[in-house]
Amino acid sequence: MSEYLVEHFDTGPGRLKSMQAFINEKAAEGYALVQAVPRNAYHWVLFFKRELEKA
């Protein structure tokens, strides 16, 4: 797996809850959100970084 992950996300009108659910899914896969950049009204670019596994 890569250390970084870039995802394009379309929330649609009033759908930030769906973005939070997506971020939670990525967290379950071991990625932490680093930055969310708005591109226009409903489109975002989300930057994730792989979290280090704890021993």
N, C-alpha and C. Protein backbone atom coordinates (compact mmCIF):
# COMPACT_ATOMS: atom_id res chain seq x y z
N MET A 1 0.83 -1.19 0.00
CA MET A 1 0.00 0.00 0.00
C MET A 1 0.87 1.25 0.00
N SER A 2 0.37 2.27 -0.64
CA SER A 2 1.09 3.53 -0.69
C SER A 2 1.01 4.24 0.65
N GLU A 3 1.99 5.10 0.87
CA GLU A 3 1.97 5.90 2.09
C GLU A 3 0.93 7.01 2.00
N TYR A 4 0.68 7.50 0.77
CA TYR A 4 -0.29 8.57 0.56
C TYR A 4 -1.38 8.11 -0.39
N LEU A 5 -2.55 8.72 -0.24
CA LEU A 5 -3.70 8.40 -1.08
C LEU A 5 -4.41 9.71 -1.40
N VAL A 6 -4.74 9.91 -2.67
CA VAL A 6 -5.48 11.10 -3.10
C VAL A 6 -6.80 10.62 -3.70
N GLU A 7 -7.90 11.14 -3.19
CA GLU A 7 -9.23 10.75 -3.65
C GLU A 7 -10.02 11.98 -4.05
N HIS A 8 -10.70 11.90 -5.18
CA HIS A 8 -11.63 12.95 -5.60
C HIS A 8 -13.00 12.56 -5.07
N PHE A 9 -13.72 13.52 -4.52
CA PHE A 9 -14.99 13.21 -3.89
C PHE A 9 -16.03 14.25 -4.27
N ASP A 10 -17.22 13.78 -4.61
CA ASP A 10 -18.35 14.66 -4.97
C ASP A 10 -19.41 14.50 -3.88
N THR A 11 -19.63 15.55 -3.11
CA THR A 11 -20.59 15.48 -2.01
C THR A 11 -22.02 15.66 -2.46
N GLY A 12 -22.24 16.34 -3.56
CA GLY A 12 -23.60 16.68 -3.95
C GLY A 12 -24.14 17.74 -2.99
N PRO A 13 -25.27 18.32 -3.28
CA PRO A 13 -25.80 19.38 -2.42
C PRO A 13 -26.14 18.87 -1.02
N GLY A 14 -25.53 19.47 -0.01
CA GLY A 14 -25.83 19.15 1.38
C GLY A 14 -25.43 17.77 1.82
N ARG A 15 -24.42 17.20 1.22
CA ARG A 15 -24.07 15.81 1.51
C ARG A 15 -22.73 15.65 2.22
N LEU A 16 -22.38 16.57 3.09
CA LEU A 16 -21.11 16.45 3.80
C LEU A 16 -21.09 15.23 4.72
N LYS A 17 -22.26 14.74 5.13
CA LYS A 17 -22.31 13.52 5.94
C LYS A 17 -21.75 12.34 5.16
N SER A 18 -21.98 12.30 3.85
CA SER A 18 -21.44 11.21 3.04
C SER A 18 -19.92 11.30 2.98
N MET A 19 -19.38 12.53 2.98
CA MET A 19 -17.93 12.68 2.97
C MET A 19 -17.35 12.20 4.30
N GLN A 20 -18.02 12.48 5.40
CA GLN A 20 -17.55 12.02 6.71
C GLN A 20 -17.55 10.49 6.76
N ALA A 21 -18.56 9.87 6.20
CA ALA A 21 -18.61 8.41 6.15
C ALA A 21 -17.45 7.86 5.32
N PHE A 22 -17.15 8.51 4.21
CA PHE A 22 -16.03 8.09 3.36
C PHE A 22 -14.70 8.22 4.11
N ILE A 23 -14.53 9.32 4.83
CA ILE A 23 -13.31 9.53 5.62
C ILE A 23 -13.20 8.44 6.69
N ASN A 24 -14.31 8.08 7.30
CA ASN A 24 -14.31 7.01 8.31
C ASN A 24 -13.92 5.67 7.70
N GLU A 25 -14.38 5.40 6.48
CA GLU A 25 -14.00 4.16 5.79
C GLU A 25 -12.50 4.12 5.55
N LYS A 26 -11.93 5.23 5.11
CA LYS A 26 -10.49 5.28 4.86
C LYS A 26 -9.71 5.13 6.16
N ALA A 27 -10.25 5.68 7.25
CA ALA A 27 -9.60 5.52 8.56
C ALA A 27 -9.57 4.04 8.96
N ALA A 28 -10.64 3.33 8.67
CA ALA A 28 -10.69 1.90 8.97
C ALA A 28 -9.67 1.12 8.15
N GLU A 29 -9.30 1.67 6.98
CA GLU A 29 -8.28 1.05 6.13
C GLU A 29 -6.86 1.46 6.55
N GLY A 30 -6.77 2.35 7.54
CA GLY A 30 -5.47 2.76 8.04
C GLY A 30 -4.96 4.09 7.52
N TYR A 31 -5.84 4.89 6.93
CA TYR A 31 -5.44 6.20 6.41
C TYR A 31 -6.02 7.32 7.26
N ALA A 32 -5.24 8.35 7.48
CA ALA A 32 -5.69 9.54 8.21
C ALA A 32 -5.83 10.69 7.22
N LEU A 33 -6.91 11.44 7.35
CA LEU A 33 -7.11 12.60 6.49
C LEU A 33 -6.07 13.66 6.82
N VAL A 34 -5.38 14.16 5.81
CA VAL A 34 -4.38 15.21 5.98
C VAL A 34 -4.97 16.55 5.59
N GLN A 35 -5.69 16.57 4.46
CA GLN A 35 -6.23 17.83 3.96
C GLN A 35 -7.41 17.56 3.05
N ALA A 36 -8.40 18.45 3.10
CA ALA A 36 -9.54 18.41 2.19
C ALA A 36 -9.57 19.74 1.45
N VAL A 37 -9.45 19.68 0.13
CA VAL A 37 -9.37 20.89 -0.68
C VAL A 37 -10.63 21.00 -1.54
N PRO A 38 -11.41 22.06 -1.37
CA PRO A 38 -12.59 22.24 -2.23
C PRO A 38 -12.16 22.65 -3.64
N ARG A 39 -12.77 22.02 -4.64
CA ARG A 39 -12.45 22.34 -6.04
C ARG A 39 -13.52 23.26 -6.63
N ASN A 40 -14.77 23.01 -6.32
CA ASN A 40 -15.89 23.88 -6.69
C ASN A 40 -17.05 23.54 -5.77
N ALA A 41 -18.27 23.85 -6.13
CA ALA A 41 -19.41 23.76 -5.22
C ALA A 41 -19.48 22.44 -4.44
N TYR A 42 -19.35 21.30 -5.11
CA TYR A 42 -19.53 20.02 -4.43
C TYR A 42 -18.37 19.06 -4.58
N HIS A 43 -17.33 19.47 -5.27
CA HIS A 43 -16.21 18.57 -5.53
C HIS A 43 -15.03 18.90 -4.62
N TRP A 44 -14.45 17.84 -4.07
CA TRP A 44 -13.33 17.98 -3.15
C TRP A 44 -12.21 17.05 -3.59
N VAL A 45 -10.99 17.38 -3.17
CA VAL A 45 -9.86 16.47 -3.30
C VAL A 45 -9.40 16.20 -1.86
N LEU A 46 -9.38 14.93 -1.50
CA LEU A 46 -9.03 14.53 -0.14
C LEU A 46 -7.65 13.88 -0.15
N PHE A 47 -6.79 14.33 0.73
CA PHE A 47 -5.43 13.80 0.85
C PHE A 47 -5.33 13.01 2.15
N PHE A 48 -4.92 11.75 2.02
CA PHE A 48 -4.78 10.87 3.17
C PHE A 48 -3.33 10.42 3.29
N LYS A 49 -2.93 10.10 4.52
CA LYS A 49 -1.60 9.53 4.76
C LYS A 49 -1.80 8.24 5.54
N ARG A 50 -1.03 7.24 5.16
CA ARG A 50 -1.11 5.93 5.83
C ARG A 50 -0.60 6.09 7.24
N GLU A 51 -1.40 5.63 8.21
CA GLU A 51 -0.98 5.68 9.60
C GLU A 51 -0.04 4.51 9.86
N LEU A 52 0.94 4.75 10.70
CA LEU A 52 1.87 3.68 11.06
C LEU A 52 1.17 2.70 11.99
N GLU A 53 1.40 1.42 11.73
CA GLU A 53 0.79 0.41 12.58
C GLU A 53 1.55 0.34 13.90
N LYS A 54 0.78 0.24 14.96
CA LYS A 54 1.39 0.18 16.30
C LYS A 54 1.70 -1.26 16.66
N ALA A 55 2.86 -1.46 17.25
CA ALA A 55 3.27 -2.81 17.61
C ALA A 55 2.70 -3.24 18.93
